[in-house]
Amino acid sequence: MYLLKLKPATNYSIYIDQIFSPAGQYLSRHPHLYKIIEEVLVDYELNGKNIVIETKFKKDIGTTDIIPTTPTDNIYYAKAIKSTVFYRFAKNRFPQKSNILTMIIRKDKSGNYEVYDVWIGNNYPALPSGRDTTKKSKDFWDSHALVQDAISIQTKSITKTCPY
């Protein structure tokens, strides 16, 4: 558990579960984001149960693995390791620079807040085959994909046929 160093005047703590949360997994590959997260949240007054914060910076903070696609892209679908959800991938595409950080923050039963997920890039809807699917999911993921090698996949699940 990583406790963020923020202003002491709040009556709650903000933390990151470095082992079990998506944020912890992402931050293990992008440790420079800890400081950026603290900069964003230092004066941010959290309110609510589920909070999405999308922050645009004046300079690039890294690269995003989710890119817009075109009809000429070589697209395939595959499940991530330990997942039942299919992801859309663009073969031979590379991460793009981004100046945007997105955070998903959830209030826990104790009244504290967990940075549940974080990534470089714009906020996006859940995958169409995921449990948090929205009306925007299919349209977004029909025009966007992960770059090849963005995440580890189950090679036996690779398919060119859209599973959703």
N, C-alpha and C. Protein backbone atom coordinates (compact mmCIF):
# COMPACT_ATOMS: atom_id res chain seq x y z
N MET A 1 0.85 -1.17 0.00
CA MET A 1 0.00 0.00 0.00
C MET A 1 0.89 1.24 0.00
N TYR A 2 0.62 2.14 -0.91
CA TYR A 2 1.38 3.39 -0.99
C TYR A 2 0.45 4.54 -0.62
N LEU A 3 0.78 5.26 0.42
CA LEU A 3 -0.01 6.39 0.88
C LEU A 3 0.53 7.65 0.24
N LEU A 4 -0.32 8.36 -0.49
CA LEU A 4 0.12 9.58 -1.17
C LEU A 4 0.38 10.68 -0.15
N LYS A 5 1.39 11.47 -0.39
CA LYS A 5 1.77 12.55 0.51
C LYS A 5 1.04 13.82 0.07
N LEU A 6 -0.10 14.09 0.72
CA LEU A 6 -0.93 15.22 0.33
C LEU A 6 -1.20 16.11 1.53
N LYS A 7 -1.99 17.15 1.28
CA LYS A 7 -2.25 18.11 2.35
C LYS A 7 -2.92 17.44 3.56
N PRO A 8 -2.47 17.76 4.75
CA PRO A 8 -2.99 17.11 5.95
C PRO A 8 -4.36 17.62 6.39
N ALA A 9 -4.88 18.67 5.76
CA ALA A 9 -6.14 19.27 6.21
C ALA A 9 -7.36 18.42 5.84
N THR A 10 -7.20 17.43 4.97
CA THR A 10 -8.34 16.60 4.59
C THR A 10 -8.62 15.57 5.67
N ASN A 11 -9.87 15.11 5.69
CA ASN A 11 -10.25 14.11 6.68
C ASN A 11 -10.23 12.70 6.07
N TYR A 12 -9.49 12.53 4.99
CA TYR A 12 -9.36 11.23 4.36
C TYR A 12 -7.93 11.07 3.83
N SER A 13 -7.57 9.82 3.57
CA SER A 13 -6.27 9.50 2.97
C SER A 13 -6.51 9.05 1.53
N ILE A 14 -5.46 9.17 0.72
CA ILE A 14 -5.51 8.67 -0.65
C ILE A 14 -4.34 7.70 -0.80
N TYR A 15 -4.64 6.51 -1.31
CA TYR A 15 -3.61 5.48 -1.39
C TYR A 15 -3.70 4.72 -2.71
N ILE A 16 -2.65 3.94 -2.97
CA ILE A 16 -2.60 3.07 -4.15
C ILE A 16 -2.25 1.67 -3.67
N ASP A 17 -3.06 0.70 -4.03
CA ASP A 17 -2.75 -0.70 -3.74
C ASP A 17 -1.76 -1.16 -4.81
N GLN A 18 -0.50 -1.24 -4.46
CA GLN A 18 0.55 -1.52 -5.43
C GLN A 18 0.59 -2.97 -5.89
N ILE A 19 -0.12 -3.85 -5.21
CA ILE A 19 -0.08 -5.27 -5.56
C ILE A 19 -1.30 -5.69 -6.39
N PHE A 20 -2.49 -5.33 -5.94
CA PHE A 20 -3.69 -5.89 -6.54
C PHE A 20 -4.47 -4.96 -7.46
N SER A 21 -4.19 -3.67 -7.47
CA SER A 21 -4.98 -2.76 -8.29
C SER A 21 -4.37 -2.60 -9.68
N PRO A 22 -5.20 -2.26 -10.67
CA PRO A 22 -4.67 -1.92 -11.99
C PRO A 22 -3.67 -0.76 -11.92
N ALA A 23 -3.91 0.19 -11.03
CA ALA A 23 -2.98 1.33 -10.88
C ALA A 23 -1.61 0.84 -10.45
N GLY A 24 -1.56 -0.06 -9.50
CA GLY A 24 -0.30 -0.59 -9.02
C GLY A 24 0.48 -1.30 -10.11
N GLN A 25 -0.22 -2.06 -10.92
CA GLN A 25 0.43 -2.76 -12.03
C GLN A 25 0.97 -1.78 -13.06
N TYR A 26 0.18 -0.75 -13.38
CA TYR A 26 0.61 0.24 -14.37
C TYR A 26 1.79 1.06 -13.85
N LEU A 27 1.71 1.45 -12.58
CA LEU A 27 2.78 2.26 -11.98
C LEU A 27 4.09 1.49 -11.84
N SER A 28 4.03 0.18 -11.77
CA SER A 28 5.27 -0.60 -11.71
C SER A 28 6.07 -0.44 -13.00
N ARG A 29 5.38 -0.13 -14.10
CA ARG A 29 6.05 0.10 -15.39
C ARG A 29 6.28 1.58 -15.66
N HIS A 30 5.64 2.46 -14.87
CA HIS A 30 5.74 3.91 -15.06
C HIS A 30 5.91 4.61 -13.71
N PRO A 31 6.99 4.33 -12.97
CA PRO A 31 7.12 4.87 -11.61
C PRO A 31 7.22 6.40 -11.55
N HIS A 32 7.56 7.06 -12.64
CA HIS A 32 7.63 8.53 -12.63
C HIS A 32 6.26 9.17 -12.40
N LEU A 33 5.20 8.38 -12.57
CA LEU A 33 3.85 8.93 -12.41
C LEU A 33 3.45 9.16 -10.96
N TYR A 34 4.13 8.53 -10.00
CA TYR A 34 3.79 8.76 -8.59
C TYR A 34 3.86 10.26 -8.27
N LYS A 35 4.93 10.89 -8.68
CA LYS A 35 5.10 12.32 -8.41
C LYS A 35 4.02 13.15 -9.13
N ILE A 36 3.72 12.78 -10.35
CA ILE A 36 2.70 13.51 -11.12
C ILE A 36 1.33 13.35 -10.49
N ILE A 37 1.00 12.14 -10.02
CA ILE A 37 -0.28 11.91 -9.34
C ILE A 37 -0.39 12.80 -8.10
N GLU A 38 0.68 12.84 -7.31
CA GLU A 38 0.67 13.69 -6.11
C GLU A 38 0.50 15.16 -6.47
N GLU A 39 1.15 15.61 -7.55
CA GLU A 39 0.99 17.01 -8.00
C GLU A 39 -0.45 17.32 -8.38
N VAL A 40 -1.11 16.38 -9.04
CA VAL A 40 -2.51 16.58 -9.45
C VAL A 40 -3.43 16.61 -8.24
N LEU A 41 -3.20 15.71 -7.30
CA LEU A 41 -4.13 15.54 -6.18
C LEU A 41 -3.84 16.41 -4.96
N VAL A 42 -2.71 17.11 -4.94
CA VAL A 42 -2.32 17.86 -3.75
C VAL A 42 -3.39 18.87 -3.31
N ASP A 43 -4.04 19.53 -4.22
CA ASP A 43 -5.08 20.49 -3.86
C ASP A 43 -6.46 20.09 -4.37
N TYR A 44 -6.62 18.86 -4.78
CA TYR A 44 -7.88 18.38 -5.33
C TYR A 44 -8.79 17.92 -4.20
N GLU A 45 -9.97 18.45 -4.14
CA GLU A 45 -10.93 18.06 -3.10
C GLU A 45 -11.79 16.92 -3.65
N LEU A 46 -11.57 15.71 -3.16
CA LEU A 46 -12.31 14.55 -3.64
C LEU A 46 -13.69 14.51 -3.02
N ASN A 47 -14.67 14.14 -3.85
CA ASN A 47 -16.06 14.08 -3.39
C ASN A 47 -16.78 13.07 -4.26
N GLY A 48 -17.41 12.09 -3.66
CA GLY A 48 -18.14 11.08 -4.41
C GLY A 48 -17.51 9.71 -4.25
N LYS A 49 -18.19 8.70 -4.84
CA LYS A 49 -17.74 7.32 -4.70
C LYS A 49 -16.80 6.89 -5.82
N ASN A 50 -17.10 7.29 -7.04
CA ASN A 50 -16.27 6.96 -8.20
C ASN A 50 -15.93 8.25 -8.92
N ILE A 51 -14.66 8.55 -9.02
CA ILE A 51 -14.21 9.83 -9.58
C ILE A 51 -13.26 9.55 -10.73
N VAL A 52 -13.48 10.22 -11.85
CA VAL A 52 -12.57 10.14 -12.98
C VAL A 52 -11.93 11.52 -13.13
N ILE A 53 -10.60 11.54 -13.10
CA ILE A 53 -9.86 12.79 -13.25
C ILE A 53 -8.97 12.65 -14.48
N GLU A 54 -9.20 13.52 -15.44
CA GLU A 54 -8.38 13.55 -16.65
C GLU A 54 -7.67 14.89 -16.67
N THR A 55 -6.34 14.87 -16.59
CA THR A 55 -5.55 16.09 -16.47
C THR A 55 -4.64 16.25 -17.68
N LYS A 56 -4.69 17.44 -18.27
CA LYS A 56 -3.84 17.76 -19.41
C LYS A 56 -2.67 18.61 -18.93
N PHE A 57 -1.46 18.22 -19.31
CA PHE A 57 -0.26 18.94 -18.93
C PHE A 57 0.28 19.74 -20.11
N LYS A 58 1.17 20.67 -19.83
CA LYS A 58 1.75 21.51 -20.88
C LYS A 58 2.79 20.74 -21.70
N LYS A 59 3.32 19.66 -21.14
CA LYS A 59 4.33 18.88 -21.86
C LYS A 59 3.95 17.40 -21.80
N ASP A 60 4.54 16.61 -22.68
CA ASP A 60 4.28 15.18 -22.69
C ASP A 60 4.80 14.55 -21.40
N ILE A 61 4.03 13.57 -20.89
CA ILE A 61 4.41 12.87 -19.66
C ILE A 61 4.76 11.40 -19.92
N GLY A 62 4.64 10.99 -21.16
CA GLY A 62 4.94 9.60 -21.51
C GLY A 62 4.21 9.23 -22.79
N THR A 63 3.96 7.94 -22.95
CA THR A 63 3.27 7.47 -24.15
C THR A 63 2.02 6.70 -23.78
N THR A 64 1.05 6.72 -24.68
CA THR A 64 -0.18 5.97 -24.50
C THR A 64 -0.17 4.77 -25.45
N ASP A 65 -0.69 3.67 -24.96
CA ASP A 65 -0.77 2.44 -25.75
C ASP A 65 -2.08 2.32 -26.52
N ILE A 66 -3.01 3.24 -26.31
CA ILE A 66 -4.29 3.21 -27.00
C ILE A 66 -4.27 4.27 -28.09
N ILE A 67 -4.46 3.81 -29.32
CA ILE A 67 -4.31 4.70 -30.47
C ILE A 67 -5.54 4.64 -31.36
N PRO A 68 -5.81 5.73 -32.10
CA PRO A 68 -6.88 5.66 -33.10
C PRO A 68 -6.42 4.76 -34.26
N THR A 69 -7.34 4.05 -34.86
CA THR A 69 -7.01 3.15 -35.96
C THR A 69 -7.67 3.62 -37.25
N THR A 70 -7.17 3.08 -38.35
CA THR A 70 -7.71 3.38 -39.68
C THR A 70 -8.06 2.05 -40.35
N PRO A 71 -8.81 2.10 -41.44
CA PRO A 71 -9.15 0.85 -42.15
C PRO A 71 -7.92 0.10 -42.69
N THR A 72 -6.79 0.76 -42.80
CA THR A 72 -5.59 0.09 -43.32
C THR A 72 -4.80 -0.64 -42.24
N ASP A 73 -5.16 -0.45 -40.97
CA ASP A 73 -4.45 -1.13 -39.88
C ASP A 73 -4.75 -2.63 -39.88
N ASN A 74 -3.74 -3.40 -39.49
CA ASN A 74 -3.88 -4.84 -39.36
C ASN A 74 -4.36 -5.11 -37.93
N ILE A 75 -5.64 -5.43 -37.77
CA ILE A 75 -6.28 -5.57 -36.45
C ILE A 75 -6.43 -7.05 -36.09
N TYR A 76 -6.19 -7.36 -34.82
CA TYR A 76 -6.49 -8.68 -34.30
C TYR A 76 -7.01 -8.53 -32.87
N TYR A 77 -7.59 -9.60 -32.34
CA TYR A 77 -8.17 -9.60 -31.00
C TYR A 77 -7.52 -10.72 -30.19
N ALA A 78 -7.37 -10.49 -28.91
CA ALA A 78 -6.78 -11.51 -28.03
C ALA A 78 -7.15 -11.20 -26.58
N LYS A 79 -7.11 -12.23 -25.76
CA LYS A 79 -7.35 -12.07 -24.32
C LYS A 79 -6.02 -11.80 -23.63
N ALA A 80 -6.06 -10.94 -22.65
CA ALA A 80 -4.87 -10.71 -21.82
C ALA A 80 -4.66 -11.91 -20.91
N ILE A 81 -3.45 -12.07 -20.43
CA ILE A 81 -3.14 -13.14 -19.47
C ILE A 81 -4.08 -12.97 -18.26
N LYS A 82 -4.63 -14.08 -17.80
CA LYS A 82 -5.54 -14.11 -16.65
C LYS A 82 -6.80 -13.27 -16.87
N SER A 83 -7.27 -13.18 -18.12
CA SER A 83 -8.46 -12.39 -18.42
C SER A 83 -9.40 -13.20 -19.32
N THR A 84 -10.68 -12.88 -19.23
CA THR A 84 -11.66 -13.50 -20.13
C THR A 84 -12.14 -12.50 -21.18
N VAL A 85 -11.61 -11.30 -21.13
CA VAL A 85 -12.03 -10.21 -22.00
C VAL A 85 -11.11 -10.11 -23.20
N PHE A 86 -11.70 -9.92 -24.39
CA PHE A 86 -10.91 -9.71 -25.59
C PHE A 86 -10.55 -8.24 -25.75
N TYR A 87 -9.29 -8.00 -26.12
CA TYR A 87 -8.79 -6.67 -26.41
C TYR A 87 -8.59 -6.55 -27.92
N ARG A 88 -8.66 -5.34 -28.43
CA ARG A 88 -8.41 -5.08 -29.85
C ARG A 88 -6.98 -4.53 -29.98
N PHE A 89 -6.20 -5.10 -30.90
CA PHE A 89 -4.80 -4.71 -31.10
C PHE A 89 -4.56 -4.28 -32.54
N ALA A 90 -3.64 -3.35 -32.72
CA ALA A 90 -3.19 -2.92 -34.04
C ALA A 90 -1.75 -3.40 -34.21
N LYS A 91 -1.56 -4.28 -35.18
CA LYS A 91 -0.23 -4.83 -35.42
C LYS A 91 0.67 -3.78 -36.06
N ASN A 92 1.95 -3.79 -35.67
CA ASN A 92 2.96 -2.88 -36.22
C ASN A 92 2.64 -1.40 -35.99
N ARG A 93 1.98 -1.09 -34.90
CA ARG A 93 1.75 0.30 -34.49
C ARG A 93 2.50 0.51 -33.18
N PHE A 94 2.79 1.76 -32.88
CA PHE A 94 3.64 2.06 -31.72
C PHE A 94 2.94 3.06 -30.80
N PRO A 95 3.34 3.08 -29.52
CA PRO A 95 2.77 4.05 -28.59
C PRO A 95 2.97 5.48 -29.09
N GLN A 96 2.05 6.36 -28.71
CA GLN A 96 2.12 7.77 -29.11
C GLN A 96 2.33 8.64 -27.87
N LYS A 97 3.08 9.72 -28.05
CA LYS A 97 3.31 10.65 -26.95
C LYS A 97 1.98 11.24 -26.49
N SER A 98 1.90 11.51 -25.19
CA SER A 98 0.68 12.09 -24.63
C SER A 98 1.01 13.03 -23.47
N ASN A 99 0.19 14.04 -23.33
CA ASN A 99 0.33 14.98 -22.21
C ASN A 99 -0.87 14.87 -21.27
N ILE A 100 -1.57 13.74 -21.33
CA ILE A 100 -2.79 13.55 -20.54
C ILE A 100 -2.62 12.38 -19.57
N LEU A 101 -3.06 12.57 -18.34
CA LEU A 101 -3.08 11.52 -17.33
C LEU A 101 -4.52 11.31 -16.90
N THR A 102 -4.95 10.05 -16.87
CA THR A 102 -6.29 9.71 -16.42
C THR A 102 -6.20 8.86 -15.16
N MET A 103 -7.03 9.19 -14.17
CA MET A 103 -7.09 8.44 -12.92
C MET A 103 -8.52 8.06 -12.61
N ILE A 104 -8.71 6.86 -12.12
CA ILE A 104 -10.00 6.40 -11.59
C ILE A 104 -9.79 6.25 -10.09
N ILE A 105 -10.57 6.98 -9.33
CA ILE A 105 -10.43 6.98 -7.87
C ILE A 105 -11.75 6.51 -7.26
N ARG A 106 -11.65 5.59 -6.30
CA ARG A 106 -12.84 5.04 -5.65
C ARG A 106 -12.78 5.27 -4.14
N LYS A 107 -13.91 5.59 -3.58
CA LYS A 107 -14.01 5.77 -2.13
C LYS A 107 -14.20 4.40 -1.49
N ASP A 108 -13.42 4.11 -0.45
CA ASP A 108 -13.56 2.81 0.22
C ASP A 108 -14.53 2.90 1.40
N LYS A 109 -14.76 1.78 2.06
CA LYS A 109 -15.73 1.71 3.16
C LYS A 109 -15.33 2.56 4.35
N SER A 110 -14.05 2.89 4.48
CA SER A 110 -13.56 3.71 5.60
C SER A 110 -13.63 5.20 5.32
N GLY A 111 -14.06 5.57 4.10
CA GLY A 111 -14.11 6.99 3.74
C GLY A 111 -12.83 7.52 3.13
N ASN A 112 -11.87 6.63 2.92
CA ASN A 112 -10.63 7.02 2.26
C ASN A 112 -10.76 6.74 0.77
N TYR A 113 -9.77 7.20 -0.01
CA TYR A 113 -9.85 7.06 -1.47
C TYR A 113 -8.68 6.24 -1.99
N GLU A 114 -8.99 5.34 -2.92
CA GLU A 114 -7.97 4.54 -3.58
C GLU A 114 -7.85 5.00 -5.03
N VAL A 115 -6.61 5.28 -5.46
CA VAL A 115 -6.36 5.49 -6.88
C VAL A 115 -6.40 4.08 -7.46
N TYR A 116 -7.55 3.70 -8.00
CA TYR A 116 -7.79 2.33 -8.45
C TYR A 116 -7.11 2.04 -9.78
N ASP A 117 -7.15 3.00 -10.69
CA ASP A 117 -6.51 2.82 -11.99
C ASP A 117 -5.94 4.15 -12.45
N VAL A 118 -4.90 4.08 -13.24
CA VAL A 118 -4.24 5.27 -13.76
C VAL A 118 -3.56 4.88 -15.07
N TRP A 119 -3.53 5.80 -16.02
CA TRP A 119 -2.81 5.56 -17.26
C TRP A 119 -2.51 6.87 -17.96
N ILE A 120 -1.52 6.82 -18.84
CA ILE A 120 -1.20 7.97 -19.67
C ILE A 120 -2.12 7.90 -20.88
N GLY A 121 -2.83 8.99 -21.12
CA GLY A 121 -3.76 9.05 -22.25
C GLY A 121 -5.15 9.45 -21.78
N ASN A 122 -6.01 9.64 -22.76
CA ASN A 122 -7.39 10.05 -22.49
C ASN A 122 -8.18 8.95 -21.79
N ASN A 123 -9.25 9.35 -21.13
CA ASN A 123 -10.19 8.40 -20.58
C ASN A 123 -10.89 7.71 -21.75
N TYR A 124 -11.25 6.47 -21.56
CA TYR A 124 -11.91 5.72 -22.61
C TYR A 124 -12.93 4.77 -21.98
N PRO A 125 -13.94 4.35 -22.76
CA PRO A 125 -14.93 3.42 -22.20
C PRO A 125 -14.35 2.01 -22.08
N ALA A 126 -15.01 1.21 -21.25
CA ALA A 126 -14.60 -0.18 -21.05
C ALA A 126 -14.69 -0.94 -22.37
N LEU A 127 -14.01 -2.06 -22.43
CA LEU A 127 -14.07 -2.92 -23.61
C LEU A 127 -15.49 -3.47 -23.79
N PRO A 128 -15.94 -3.65 -25.02
CA PRO A 128 -17.30 -4.15 -25.24
C PRO A 128 -17.57 -5.52 -24.63
N SER A 129 -16.53 -6.31 -24.42
CA SER A 129 -16.74 -7.64 -23.84
C SER A 129 -16.50 -7.65 -22.33
N GLY A 130 -16.26 -6.48 -21.74
CA GLY A 130 -16.00 -6.37 -20.31
C GLY A 130 -17.27 -6.20 -19.50
N ARG A 131 -17.13 -6.23 -18.18
CA ARG A 131 -18.31 -6.13 -17.30
C ARG A 131 -18.80 -4.69 -17.14
N ASP A 132 -17.95 -3.70 -17.40
CA ASP A 132 -18.34 -2.30 -17.24
C ASP A 132 -18.69 -1.64 -18.58
N THR A 133 -19.11 -2.44 -19.55
CA THR A 133 -19.43 -1.94 -20.89
C THR A 133 -20.48 -0.83 -20.82
N THR A 134 -20.29 0.19 -21.66
CA THR A 134 -21.26 1.28 -21.78
C THR A 134 -21.76 1.35 -23.22
N LYS A 135 -22.68 2.25 -23.48
CA LYS A 135 -23.19 2.44 -24.84
C LYS A 135 -22.10 2.92 -25.79
N LYS A 136 -21.09 3.60 -25.26
CA LYS A 136 -20.01 4.15 -26.09
C LYS A 136 -18.90 3.13 -26.36
N SER A 137 -18.90 2.02 -25.65
CA SER A 137 -17.79 1.06 -25.74
C SER A 137 -17.54 0.56 -27.15
N LYS A 138 -18.56 0.03 -27.81
CA LYS A 138 -18.36 -0.57 -29.14
C LYS A 138 -17.88 0.46 -30.15
N ASP A 139 -18.51 1.64 -30.18
CA ASP A 139 -18.09 2.68 -31.13
C ASP A 139 -16.63 3.07 -30.91
N PHE A 140 -16.25 3.27 -29.65
CA PHE A 140 -14.87 3.67 -29.36
C PHE A 140 -13.90 2.59 -29.80
N TRP A 141 -14.13 1.34 -29.38
CA TRP A 141 -13.18 0.27 -29.65
C TRP A 141 -13.22 -0.21 -31.10
N ASP A 142 -14.23 0.19 -31.88
CA ASP A 142 -14.21 -0.07 -33.32
C ASP A 142 -13.25 0.87 -34.03
N SER A 143 -12.87 1.97 -33.37
CA SER A 143 -11.99 2.96 -34.00
C SER A 143 -10.67 3.18 -33.24
N HIS A 144 -10.44 2.38 -32.20
CA HIS A 144 -9.21 2.48 -31.40
C HIS A 144 -8.72 1.07 -31.07
N ALA A 145 -7.44 0.97 -30.74
CA ALA A 145 -6.87 -0.32 -30.36
C ALA A 145 -5.64 -0.11 -29.50
N LEU A 146 -5.22 -1.17 -28.86
CA LEU A 146 -3.94 -1.18 -28.16
C LEU A 146 -2.85 -1.44 -29.18
N VAL A 147 -1.70 -0.86 -28.96
CA VAL A 147 -0.57 -1.16 -29.83
C VAL A 147 -0.11 -2.59 -29.53
N GLN A 148 0.47 -3.21 -30.52
CA GLN A 148 0.98 -4.57 -30.35
C GLN A 148 1.98 -4.58 -29.20
N ASP A 149 1.94 -5.60 -28.39
CA ASP A 149 2.83 -5.79 -27.23
C ASP A 149 2.55 -4.84 -26.07
N ALA A 150 1.39 -4.19 -26.05
CA ALA A 150 1.04 -3.30 -24.93
C ALA A 150 0.83 -4.09 -23.65
N ILE A 151 0.25 -5.27 -23.77
CA ILE A 151 0.03 -6.14 -22.62
C ILE A 151 0.34 -7.58 -23.04
N SER A 152 0.60 -8.42 -22.08
CA SER A 152 0.84 -9.84 -22.36
C SER A 152 -0.48 -10.52 -22.68
N ILE A 153 -0.48 -11.33 -23.72
CA ILE A 153 -1.73 -11.97 -24.16
C ILE A 153 -1.63 -13.49 -24.11
N GLN A 154 -2.81 -14.12 -24.14
CA GLN A 154 -2.92 -15.56 -24.28
C GLN A 154 -2.82 -15.86 -25.78
N THR A 155 -1.70 -16.39 -26.22
CA THR A 155 -1.48 -16.57 -27.66
C THR A 155 -2.51 -17.47 -28.32
N LYS A 156 -3.06 -18.42 -27.59
CA LYS A 156 -4.07 -19.32 -28.15
C LYS A 156 -5.41 -18.62 -28.38
N SER A 157 -5.58 -17.41 -27.83
CA SER A 157 -6.85 -16.70 -27.98
C SER A 157 -6.86 -15.74 -29.18
N ILE A 158 -5.75 -15.60 -29.87
CA ILE A 158 -5.63 -14.63 -30.97
C ILE A 158 -6.61 -14.98 -32.09
N THR A 159 -7.34 -13.98 -32.54
CA THR A 159 -8.29 -14.16 -33.62
C THR A 159 -8.40 -12.87 -34.45
N LYS A 160 -8.71 -13.01 -35.72
CA LYS A 160 -8.94 -11.85 -36.58
C LYS A 160 -10.43 -11.49 -36.57
N THR A 161 -11.26 -12.37 -36.07
CA THR A 161 -12.71 -12.16 -36.03
C THR A 161 -13.08 -11.39 -34.77
N CYS A 162 -13.83 -10.32 -34.95
CA CYS A 162 -14.24 -9.51 -33.79
C CYS A 162 -15.15 -10.35 -32.88
N PRO A 163 -14.80 -10.49 -31.60
CA PRO A 163 -15.60 -11.33 -30.68
C PRO A 163 -16.77 -10.58 -30.04
N TYR A 164 -16.98 -9.33 -30.38
CA TYR A 164 -18.10 -8.59 -29.80
C TYR A 164 -18.82 -7.79 -30.86
